[in-house]
Amino acid sequence: MINNIIPTTIRIEEQTKTAIEDIAKIEQRSFNKMVEYILQKYIIEYMEKQNKKD
């Protein structure tokens, strides 16, 4: 299996980072996996909304 995950660096407010860390702990995910999940969920929801407009 090919790993298509690309390392990246982002800058976020400390308050946002803390909130994501707290949620990740509850969801039993790493911080990185939680960020990835949040981004994927947003992308899916965004694309669904765009498809409804068409």
N, C-alpha and C. Protein backbone atom coordinates (compact mmCIF):
# COMPACT_ATOMS: atom_id res chain seq x y z
N MET A 1 0.84 -1.18 0.00
CA MET A 1 0.00 0.00 0.00
C MET A 1 0.88 1.25 0.00
N ILE A 2 0.58 2.16 -0.90
CA ILE A 2 1.35 3.39 -1.01
C ILE A 2 0.80 4.42 -0.04
N ASN A 3 1.71 5.07 0.68
CA ASN A 3 1.31 6.09 1.64
C ASN A 3 1.25 7.44 0.92
N ASN A 4 0.05 7.99 0.81
CA ASN A 4 -0.14 9.27 0.12
C ASN A 4 -0.24 10.44 1.09
N ILE A 5 0.18 10.25 2.32
CA ILE A 5 0.10 11.32 3.31
C ILE A 5 1.34 12.19 3.21
N ILE A 6 1.10 13.48 3.03
CA ILE A 6 2.18 14.44 2.85
C ILE A 6 2.33 15.25 4.13
N PRO A 7 3.52 15.28 4.71
CA PRO A 7 3.73 16.10 5.91
C PRO A 7 3.54 17.58 5.58
N THR A 8 2.94 18.29 6.50
CA THR A 8 2.72 19.72 6.30
C THR A 8 2.77 20.44 7.65
N THR A 9 2.96 21.71 7.60
CA THR A 9 2.96 22.53 8.80
C THR A 9 1.89 23.59 8.63
N ILE A 10 1.07 23.75 9.67
CA ILE A 10 0.06 24.81 9.65
C ILE A 10 0.21 25.66 10.91
N ARG A 11 -0.28 26.87 10.82
CA ARG A 11 -0.28 27.76 11.98
C ARG A 11 -1.73 27.98 12.39
N ILE A 12 -2.00 27.70 13.66
CA ILE A 12 -3.35 27.91 14.19
C ILE A 12 -3.22 28.57 15.56
N GLU A 13 -4.30 29.19 15.97
CA GLU A 13 -4.31 29.83 17.28
C GLU A 13 -4.19 28.77 18.37
N GLU A 14 -3.57 29.14 19.47
CA GLU A 14 -3.37 28.21 20.58
C GLU A 14 -4.71 27.66 21.08
N GLN A 15 -5.72 28.50 21.14
CA GLN A 15 -7.04 28.10 21.60
C GLN A 15 -7.64 27.02 20.69
N THR A 16 -7.44 27.16 19.39
CA THR A 16 -7.92 26.16 18.44
C THR A 16 -7.18 24.85 18.62
N LYS A 17 -5.87 24.93 18.78
CA LYS A 17 -5.06 23.72 18.97
C LYS A 17 -5.48 22.98 20.23
N THR A 18 -5.70 23.72 21.30
CA THR A 18 -6.12 23.10 22.56
C THR A 18 -7.47 22.42 22.40
N ALA A 19 -8.39 23.06 21.71
CA ALA A 19 -9.71 22.48 21.50
C ALA A 19 -9.61 21.18 20.70
N ILE A 20 -8.79 21.19 19.65
CA ILE A 20 -8.61 19.99 18.84
C ILE A 20 -7.97 18.88 19.66
N GLU A 21 -6.99 19.21 20.47
CA GLU A 21 -6.35 18.22 21.33
C GLU A 21 -7.36 17.61 22.30
N ASP A 22 -8.22 18.44 22.88
CA ASP A 22 -9.23 17.95 23.81
C ASP A 22 -10.22 17.01 23.12
N ILE A 23 -10.67 17.40 21.94
CA ILE A 23 -11.61 16.57 21.19
C ILE A 23 -10.93 15.27 20.76
N ALA A 24 -9.69 15.36 20.32
CA ALA A 24 -8.94 14.17 19.89
C ALA A 24 -8.82 13.16 21.04
N LYS A 25 -8.59 13.67 22.23
CA LYS A 25 -8.47 12.79 23.40
C LYS A 25 -9.78 12.06 23.65
N ILE A 26 -10.89 12.78 23.57
CA ILE A 26 -12.21 12.18 23.76
C ILE A 26 -12.49 11.13 22.68
N GLU A 27 -12.12 11.45 21.44
CA GLU A 27 -12.35 10.57 20.29
C GLU A 27 -11.30 9.48 20.15
N GLN A 28 -10.33 9.48 21.05
CA GLN A 28 -9.22 8.52 21.04
C GLN A 28 -8.48 8.53 19.69
N ARG A 29 -8.12 9.74 19.26
CA ARG A 29 -7.36 9.95 18.04
C ARG A 29 -6.13 10.78 18.38
N SER A 30 -5.14 10.71 17.54
CA SER A 30 -4.00 11.61 17.69
C SER A 30 -4.43 13.00 17.21
N PHE A 31 -3.66 13.99 17.56
CA PHE A 31 -3.94 15.35 17.10
C PHE A 31 -3.96 15.39 15.56
N ASN A 32 -2.95 14.77 14.94
CA ASN A 32 -2.88 14.78 13.47
C ASN A 32 -4.07 14.09 12.83
N LYS A 33 -4.46 12.94 13.38
CA LYS A 33 -5.62 12.22 12.82
C LYS A 33 -6.91 13.01 13.02
N MET A 34 -7.00 13.74 14.13
CA MET A 34 -8.18 14.55 14.38
C MET A 34 -8.25 15.69 13.36
N VAL A 35 -7.14 16.35 13.10
CA VAL A 35 -7.11 17.42 12.11
C VAL A 35 -7.48 16.87 10.73
N GLU A 36 -6.90 15.73 10.39
CA GLU A 36 -7.20 15.09 9.10
C GLU A 36 -8.69 14.77 9.00
N TYR A 37 -9.27 14.23 10.07
CA TYR A 37 -10.70 13.90 10.09
C TYR A 37 -11.55 15.16 9.90
N ILE A 38 -11.22 16.21 10.63
CA ILE A 38 -11.97 17.47 10.54
C ILE A 38 -11.92 18.02 9.12
N LEU A 39 -10.74 18.01 8.53
CA LEU A 39 -10.60 18.53 7.16
C LEU A 39 -11.37 17.68 6.16
N GLN A 40 -11.27 16.37 6.29
CA GLN A 40 -11.99 15.48 5.37
C GLN A 40 -13.50 15.68 5.49
N LYS A 41 -13.98 15.79 6.72
CA LYS A 41 -15.41 16.00 6.94
C LYS A 41 -15.87 17.32 6.32
N TYR A 42 -15.07 18.37 6.50
CA TYR A 42 -15.42 19.66 5.92
C TYR A 42 -15.47 19.58 4.39
N ILE A 43 -14.49 18.93 3.80
CA ILE A 43 -14.43 18.81 2.34
C ILE A 43 -15.65 18.06 1.81
N ILE A 44 -16.02 16.96 2.46
CA ILE A 44 -17.19 16.19 2.03
C ILE A 44 -18.45 17.05 2.13
N GLU A 45 -18.63 17.73 3.26
CA GLU A 45 -19.82 18.58 3.43
C GLU A 45 -19.84 19.72 2.41
N TYR A 46 -18.70 20.31 2.15
CA TYR A 46 -18.61 21.40 1.18
C TYR A 46 -18.99 20.91 -0.22
N MET A 47 -18.44 19.75 -0.60
CA MET A 47 -18.71 19.21 -1.93
C MET A 47 -20.20 18.83 -2.07
N GLU A 48 -20.78 18.29 -1.01
CA GLU A 48 -22.20 17.96 -1.04
C GLU A 48 -23.05 19.20 -1.24
N LYS A 49 -22.71 20.29 -0.55
CA LYS A 49 -23.44 21.55 -0.70
C LYS A 49 -23.30 22.09 -2.12
N GLN A 50 -22.10 21.98 -2.68
CA GLN A 50 -21.87 22.47 -4.04
C GLN A 50 -22.67 21.65 -5.05
N ASN A 51 -22.76 20.35 -4.83
CA ASN A 51 -23.51 19.49 -5.73
C ASN A 51 -25.01 19.78 -5.67
N LYS A 52 -25.52 20.20 -4.52
CA LYS A 52 -26.93 20.55 -4.38
C LYS A 52 -27.25 21.83 -5.12
N LYS A 53 -26.27 22.72 -5.25
CA LYS A 53 -26.47 23.98 -5.96
C LYS A 53 -26.59 23.76 -7.47
N ASP A 54 -25.92 22.72 -7.95
CA ASP A 54 -25.89 22.45 -9.40
C ASP A 54 -27.15 21.82 -9.91
